[in-house]
N, C-alpha and C. Protein backbone atom coordinates (compact mmCIF):
# COMPACT_ATOMS: atom_id res chain seq x y z
N MET A 1 32.72 40.01 25.17
CA MET A 1 32.25 40.59 23.93
C MET A 1 31.24 41.68 24.25
N PRO A 2 31.30 42.81 23.58
CA PRO A 2 30.36 43.89 23.88
C PRO A 2 28.94 43.51 23.48
N PHE A 3 28.00 44.18 24.10
CA PHE A 3 26.59 43.99 23.82
C PHE A 3 26.29 44.44 22.40
N ILE A 4 25.67 43.59 21.59
CA ILE A 4 25.29 43.95 20.22
C ILE A 4 23.77 43.91 20.16
N PRO A 5 23.15 45.08 20.06
CA PRO A 5 21.68 45.11 20.08
C PRO A 5 21.07 44.60 18.79
N SER A 6 19.89 43.99 18.93
CA SER A 6 19.16 43.53 17.76
C SER A 6 17.78 44.17 17.69
N HIS A 7 17.43 44.95 18.69
CA HIS A 7 16.13 45.61 18.72
C HIS A 7 16.22 46.85 19.59
N VAL A 8 15.39 47.85 19.29
CA VAL A 8 15.40 49.11 20.03
C VAL A 8 13.96 49.52 20.31
N GLU A 9 13.72 50.00 21.53
CA GLU A 9 12.41 50.52 21.90
C GLU A 9 12.62 51.69 22.86
N ALA A 10 11.57 52.42 23.10
CA ALA A 10 11.58 53.50 24.10
C ALA A 10 10.55 53.16 25.16
N VAL A 11 10.84 53.56 26.39
CA VAL A 11 9.90 53.36 27.49
C VAL A 11 9.12 54.66 27.68
N MET A 12 7.81 54.56 27.59
CA MET A 12 6.96 55.74 27.75
C MET A 12 6.87 56.09 29.24
N PRO A 13 7.18 57.33 29.61
CA PRO A 13 7.25 57.67 31.04
C PRO A 13 5.92 57.59 31.78
N ALA A 14 4.84 57.93 31.15
CA ALA A 14 3.55 57.95 31.85
C ALA A 14 3.00 56.55 32.12
N THR A 15 3.28 55.61 31.21
CA THR A 15 2.67 54.28 31.31
C THR A 15 3.67 53.15 31.55
N GLY A 16 4.96 53.40 31.26
CA GLY A 16 5.96 52.34 31.36
C GLY A 16 5.90 51.36 30.20
N MET A 17 5.01 51.62 29.24
CA MET A 17 4.89 50.75 28.07
C MET A 17 6.10 50.94 27.16
N TYR A 18 6.47 49.88 26.47
CA TYR A 18 7.56 49.92 25.51
C TYR A 18 6.98 50.23 24.13
N VAL A 19 7.53 51.23 23.45
CA VAL A 19 7.08 51.56 22.10
C VAL A 19 8.21 51.25 21.14
N GLY A 20 7.91 50.43 20.16
CA GLY A 20 8.88 50.06 19.14
C GLY A 20 8.18 49.47 17.94
N ALA A 21 8.93 49.25 16.89
CA ALA A 21 8.41 48.67 15.65
C ALA A 21 8.78 47.20 15.59
N HIS A 22 7.80 46.37 15.32
CA HIS A 22 8.00 44.92 15.21
C HIS A 22 7.43 44.42 13.90
N PHE A 23 8.01 43.32 13.41
CA PHE A 23 7.52 42.69 12.19
C PHE A 23 6.02 42.40 12.32
N LYS A 24 5.62 41.88 13.47
CA LYS A 24 4.20 41.61 13.70
C LYS A 24 3.58 42.81 14.40
N GLY A 25 2.74 43.53 13.71
CA GLY A 25 2.01 44.62 14.34
C GLY A 25 2.57 46.00 14.14
N GLY A 26 3.75 46.15 13.56
CA GLY A 26 4.31 47.48 13.34
C GLY A 26 4.60 48.19 14.64
N VAL A 27 4.40 49.50 14.67
CA VAL A 27 4.68 50.31 15.86
C VAL A 27 3.51 50.18 16.82
N GLN A 28 3.83 49.70 18.03
CA GLN A 28 2.82 49.52 19.07
C GLN A 28 3.43 49.81 20.43
N ALA A 29 2.57 50.08 21.39
CA ALA A 29 2.97 50.16 22.80
C ALA A 29 2.71 48.79 23.40
N ARG A 30 3.73 48.22 24.02
CA ARG A 30 3.62 46.87 24.58
C ARG A 30 4.06 46.90 26.04
N PRO A 31 3.52 46.01 26.86
CA PRO A 31 3.88 46.02 28.29
C PRO A 31 5.31 45.51 28.52
N PRO A 32 5.97 46.01 29.57
CA PRO A 32 7.31 45.49 29.90
C PRO A 32 7.26 43.97 30.06
N GLY A 33 8.28 43.31 29.56
CA GLY A 33 8.35 41.86 29.69
C GLY A 33 7.60 41.10 28.62
N TYR A 34 6.96 41.79 27.68
CA TYR A 34 6.20 41.11 26.64
C TYR A 34 7.07 40.17 25.82
N ASP A 35 8.38 40.45 25.78
CA ASP A 35 9.31 39.68 24.95
C ASP A 35 10.25 38.80 25.77
N LYS A 36 9.89 38.52 27.02
CA LYS A 36 10.80 37.79 27.90
C LYS A 36 11.16 36.40 27.39
N ASP A 37 10.33 35.81 26.54
CA ASP A 37 10.63 34.48 26.01
C ASP A 37 11.74 34.50 24.96
N VAL A 38 12.00 35.66 24.38
CA VAL A 38 13.01 35.74 23.33
C VAL A 38 14.17 36.67 23.66
N THR A 39 14.06 37.44 24.74
CA THR A 39 15.11 38.39 25.10
C THR A 39 16.11 37.75 26.05
N THR A 40 17.39 37.82 25.67
CA THR A 40 18.43 37.26 26.53
C THR A 40 19.15 38.34 27.32
N GLN A 41 19.22 39.55 26.77
CA GLN A 41 19.86 40.69 27.43
C GLN A 41 19.07 41.94 27.13
N GLU A 42 19.11 42.86 28.08
CA GLU A 42 18.45 44.14 27.87
C GLU A 42 19.38 45.22 28.36
N LEU A 43 19.52 46.28 27.59
CA LEU A 43 20.32 47.44 27.95
C LEU A 43 19.39 48.63 27.93
N ILE A 44 19.16 49.23 29.09
CA ILE A 44 18.28 50.38 29.17
C ILE A 44 19.14 51.62 29.41
N LEU A 45 18.99 52.59 28.52
CA LEU A 45 19.77 53.82 28.59
C LEU A 45 18.86 54.99 28.92
N GLU A 46 19.32 55.87 29.80
CA GLU A 46 18.60 57.12 30.07
C GLU A 46 19.37 58.24 29.41
N LEU A 47 18.76 58.86 28.43
CA LEU A 47 19.40 59.95 27.69
C LEU A 47 19.08 61.28 28.36
N GLU A 48 20.09 62.11 28.51
CA GLU A 48 19.86 63.45 29.07
C GLU A 48 19.18 64.30 28.02
N ALA A 49 18.10 64.94 28.42
CA ALA A 49 17.35 65.79 27.50
C ALA A 49 16.62 66.85 28.30
N THR A 50 16.27 67.92 27.61
CA THR A 50 15.48 68.97 28.25
C THR A 50 14.02 68.51 28.32
N PRO A 51 13.21 69.13 29.17
CA PRO A 51 11.78 68.78 29.19
C PRO A 51 11.12 68.96 27.81
N ALA A 52 11.53 69.98 27.07
CA ALA A 52 10.96 70.19 25.74
C ALA A 52 11.35 69.05 24.79
N GLN A 53 12.60 68.59 24.88
CA GLN A 53 13.04 67.46 24.04
C GLN A 53 12.27 66.20 24.41
N ASP A 54 12.10 65.97 25.71
CA ASP A 54 11.31 64.81 26.15
C ASP A 54 9.92 64.84 25.53
N LEU A 55 9.27 65.97 25.63
CA LEU A 55 7.91 66.12 25.12
C LEU A 55 7.86 65.83 23.62
N MET A 56 8.78 66.42 22.86
CA MET A 56 8.80 66.20 21.41
C MET A 56 9.10 64.75 21.06
N PHE A 57 10.02 64.12 21.80
CA PHE A 57 10.39 62.72 21.55
C PHE A 57 9.18 61.81 21.73
N TYR A 58 8.51 61.93 22.87
CA TYR A 58 7.39 61.04 23.15
C TYR A 58 6.17 61.35 22.28
N GLN A 59 5.97 62.61 21.93
CA GLN A 59 4.88 62.95 21.01
C GLN A 59 5.13 62.34 19.63
N PHE A 60 6.38 62.36 19.20
CA PHE A 60 6.74 61.76 17.92
C PHE A 60 6.38 60.27 17.94
N LEU A 61 6.77 59.58 19.02
CA LEU A 61 6.49 58.14 19.10
C LEU A 61 4.99 57.88 19.10
N GLU A 62 4.24 58.64 19.89
CA GLU A 62 2.79 58.44 19.96
C GLU A 62 2.14 58.65 18.60
N LYS A 63 2.63 59.62 17.85
CA LYS A 63 2.09 59.92 16.52
C LYS A 63 2.32 58.75 15.55
N HIS A 64 3.34 57.94 15.80
CA HIS A 64 3.67 56.85 14.88
C HIS A 64 3.10 55.50 15.30
N ILE A 65 2.43 55.43 16.43
CA ILE A 65 1.79 54.17 16.81
C ILE A 65 0.78 53.79 15.73
N GLY A 66 0.87 52.55 15.30
CA GLY A 66 0.02 52.06 14.22
C GLY A 66 0.71 52.04 12.86
N GLU A 67 1.89 52.67 12.77
CA GLU A 67 2.62 52.67 11.50
C GLU A 67 3.10 51.26 11.19
N PRO A 68 2.96 50.81 9.95
CA PRO A 68 3.38 49.44 9.60
C PRO A 68 4.89 49.26 9.65
N TYR A 69 5.30 48.00 9.72
CA TYR A 69 6.71 47.63 9.76
C TYR A 69 7.30 47.69 8.36
N ASP A 70 8.54 48.14 8.26
CA ASP A 70 9.23 48.28 6.98
C ASP A 70 10.08 47.04 6.71
N TRP A 71 9.43 45.95 6.33
CA TRP A 71 10.16 44.70 6.12
C TRP A 71 11.15 44.80 4.95
N GLU A 72 10.90 45.69 4.00
CA GLU A 72 11.85 45.84 2.89
C GLU A 72 13.18 46.42 3.37
N ALA A 73 13.16 47.27 4.41
CA ALA A 73 14.42 47.81 4.94
C ALA A 73 15.28 46.68 5.50
N ILE A 74 14.65 45.69 6.12
CA ILE A 74 15.40 44.54 6.65
C ILE A 74 16.03 43.75 5.50
N ILE A 75 15.28 43.55 4.43
CA ILE A 75 15.83 42.88 3.24
C ILE A 75 17.03 43.68 2.72
N GLY A 76 16.95 45.02 2.80
CA GLY A 76 18.05 45.86 2.36
C GLY A 76 19.32 45.69 3.17
N PHE A 77 19.20 45.22 4.43
CA PHE A 77 20.40 44.91 5.22
C PHE A 77 21.03 43.60 4.76
N VAL A 78 20.19 42.64 4.36
CA VAL A 78 20.67 41.31 3.98
C VAL A 78 21.30 41.35 2.59
N ILE A 79 20.60 41.88 1.63
CA ILE A 79 21.16 42.07 0.30
C ILE A 79 21.33 43.57 0.12
N PRO A 80 22.56 44.04 0.29
CA PRO A 80 22.80 45.49 0.36
C PRO A 80 22.18 46.27 -0.80
N GLU A 81 21.04 46.84 -0.52
CA GLU A 81 20.41 47.75 -1.45
C GLU A 81 19.59 48.74 -0.63
N HIS A 82 19.16 49.74 -1.26
CA HIS A 82 18.49 50.84 -0.58
C HIS A 82 16.97 50.58 -0.54
N ALA A 83 16.55 49.48 0.06
CA ALA A 83 15.15 49.10 0.09
C ALA A 83 14.42 49.81 1.23
N HIS A 84 13.18 50.22 0.96
CA HIS A 84 12.40 50.93 1.97
C HIS A 84 10.98 51.09 1.46
N ILE A 85 10.00 51.01 2.36
CA ILE A 85 8.61 51.27 2.03
C ILE A 85 8.23 52.59 2.70
N GLN A 86 7.74 53.54 1.92
CA GLN A 86 7.33 54.84 2.48
C GLN A 86 6.28 54.65 3.57
N ASN A 87 6.38 55.46 4.62
CA ASN A 87 5.43 55.45 5.75
C ASN A 87 5.40 54.11 6.49
N HIS A 88 6.50 53.38 6.43
CA HIS A 88 6.71 52.16 7.20
C HIS A 88 8.04 52.37 7.94
N VAL A 89 8.25 51.65 9.04
CA VAL A 89 9.44 51.92 9.84
C VAL A 89 9.95 50.65 10.52
N ILE A 90 11.27 50.61 10.72
CA ILE A 90 11.88 49.57 11.56
C ILE A 90 12.21 50.21 12.91
N CYS A 91 12.53 49.38 13.89
CA CYS A 91 12.71 49.86 15.26
C CYS A 91 13.77 50.94 15.39
N SER A 92 14.94 50.70 14.83
CA SER A 92 16.04 51.66 14.99
C SER A 92 15.78 52.95 14.23
N ALA A 93 15.10 52.87 13.10
CA ALA A 93 14.74 54.08 12.35
C ALA A 93 13.75 54.91 13.15
N LEU A 94 12.78 54.25 13.77
CA LEU A 94 11.78 54.96 14.58
C LEU A 94 12.45 55.77 15.68
N ILE A 95 13.36 55.15 16.42
CA ILE A 95 14.01 55.84 17.54
C ILE A 95 14.98 56.91 17.02
N ALA A 96 15.71 56.63 15.95
CA ALA A 96 16.62 57.64 15.38
C ALA A 96 15.83 58.86 14.91
N LEU A 97 14.70 58.63 14.27
CA LEU A 97 13.87 59.75 13.81
C LEU A 97 13.26 60.52 14.98
N ALA A 98 12.88 59.81 16.04
CA ALA A 98 12.35 60.49 17.23
C ALA A 98 13.43 61.35 17.87
N LEU A 99 14.66 60.85 17.93
CA LEU A 99 15.77 61.63 18.48
C LEU A 99 16.09 62.82 17.59
N ARG A 100 15.94 62.66 16.30
CA ARG A 100 16.15 63.78 15.39
C ARG A 100 15.02 64.80 15.54
N ALA A 101 13.80 64.33 15.70
CA ALA A 101 12.64 65.23 15.82
C ALA A 101 12.72 66.12 17.05
N CYS A 102 13.34 65.61 18.11
CA CYS A 102 13.43 66.40 19.35
C CYS A 102 14.77 67.15 19.44
N ASN A 103 15.55 67.11 18.36
CA ASN A 103 16.82 67.82 18.28
C ASN A 103 17.90 67.24 19.20
N TRP A 104 17.75 65.98 19.60
CA TRP A 104 18.80 65.33 20.38
C TRP A 104 20.00 65.09 19.48
N PHE A 105 19.72 64.71 18.23
CA PHE A 105 20.73 64.73 17.17
C PHE A 105 20.50 66.06 16.46
N PRO A 106 21.34 67.06 16.69
CA PRO A 106 21.04 68.40 16.18
C PRO A 106 21.22 68.58 14.67
N TYR A 107 21.87 67.64 14.00
CA TYR A 107 22.13 67.77 12.57
C TYR A 107 21.41 66.66 11.82
N ARG A 108 21.24 66.88 10.52
CA ARG A 108 20.66 65.83 9.68
C ARG A 108 21.51 64.57 9.82
N LEU A 109 20.87 63.43 9.79
CA LEU A 109 21.60 62.17 9.86
C LEU A 109 22.32 61.93 8.54
N ALA A 110 23.49 61.32 8.60
CA ALA A 110 24.33 61.13 7.42
C ALA A 110 23.82 60.01 6.51
N ALA A 111 22.85 59.25 6.99
CA ALA A 111 22.25 58.18 6.20
C ALA A 111 20.74 58.20 6.43
N PRO A 112 19.97 57.72 5.48
CA PRO A 112 18.53 57.62 5.72
C PRO A 112 18.25 56.73 6.93
N ALA A 113 17.25 57.07 7.69
CA ALA A 113 16.98 56.35 8.93
C ALA A 113 16.74 54.86 8.71
N HIS A 114 16.14 54.48 7.58
CA HIS A 114 15.87 53.06 7.35
C HIS A 114 17.14 52.24 7.12
N LEU A 115 18.27 52.91 6.97
CA LEU A 115 19.56 52.21 6.86
C LEU A 115 20.29 52.10 8.19
N ILE A 116 19.71 52.65 9.26
CA ILE A 116 20.33 52.61 10.59
C ILE A 116 19.81 51.38 11.33
N ASP A 117 20.71 50.47 11.65
CA ASP A 117 20.30 49.29 12.41
C ASP A 117 20.53 49.55 13.91
N PRO A 118 20.08 48.65 14.78
CA PRO A 118 20.25 48.88 16.22
C PRO A 118 21.70 49.09 16.65
N ARG A 119 22.63 48.38 16.04
CA ARG A 119 24.05 48.57 16.38
C ARG A 119 24.50 49.97 16.00
N ASP A 120 24.11 50.43 14.82
CA ASP A 120 24.45 51.79 14.39
C ASP A 120 23.91 52.82 15.38
N LEU A 121 22.67 52.63 15.81
CA LEU A 121 22.07 53.58 16.73
C LEU A 121 22.83 53.61 18.05
N LEU A 122 23.23 52.44 18.56
CA LEU A 122 24.01 52.40 19.79
C LEU A 122 25.34 53.14 19.61
N LEU A 123 25.96 52.95 18.46
CA LEU A 123 27.21 53.66 18.17
C LEU A 123 26.97 55.17 18.14
N MET A 124 25.88 55.59 17.53
CA MET A 124 25.54 57.02 17.49
C MET A 124 25.32 57.56 18.90
N LEU A 125 24.62 56.81 19.74
CA LEU A 125 24.38 57.24 21.12
C LEU A 125 25.67 57.34 21.91
N SER A 126 26.63 56.46 21.59
CA SER A 126 27.90 56.46 22.34
C SER A 126 28.72 57.72 22.10
N THR A 127 28.37 58.52 21.10
CA THR A 127 29.07 59.79 20.90
C THR A 127 28.58 60.86 21.86
N ARG A 128 27.44 60.61 22.52
CA ARG A 128 26.85 61.59 23.41
C ARG A 128 26.77 61.15 24.86
N MET A 129 27.05 59.87 25.12
CA MET A 129 26.92 59.36 26.48
C MET A 129 27.78 58.11 26.68
N GLN A 130 28.05 57.80 27.93
CA GLN A 130 28.78 56.57 28.25
C GLN A 130 27.80 55.40 28.19
N ILE A 131 28.17 54.37 27.44
CA ILE A 131 27.35 53.17 27.33
C ILE A 131 27.87 52.18 28.36
N PRO A 132 27.03 51.71 29.29
CA PRO A 132 27.49 50.76 30.31
C PRO A 132 28.08 49.50 29.69
N GLY A 133 29.16 49.03 30.23
CA GLY A 133 29.79 47.79 29.75
C GLY A 133 30.70 47.97 28.57
N VAL A 134 30.89 49.20 28.12
CA VAL A 134 31.76 49.44 26.96
C VAL A 134 33.08 50.01 27.43
């Protein structure tokens, strides 16, 4: 069975810290292995980007550290509705927006970022790169 992601984060190049949005604490930088008690599989992808794209991507993430978690977006996945809290974010929306901010996705996304779950994001990435194990 293919890998089905349930969470998405980015690794900060200068520190190796993982930046992502979590129910507890919102967007934070966390040390590698912080989630080893609950993680069964990890898929780390290296996306090809220009130095300028890298800079914009990581600056976007740093700017969002401290942003609260968008728990209503998760409820919107369970009971299909367009739920979202302004200036709050879920993990896959954070990374999708960072990729959009650095022009890695050169066009507007076809759905609001808070409707993109980790599986959707992996599918979107697979249009631009080979996903290991697929």
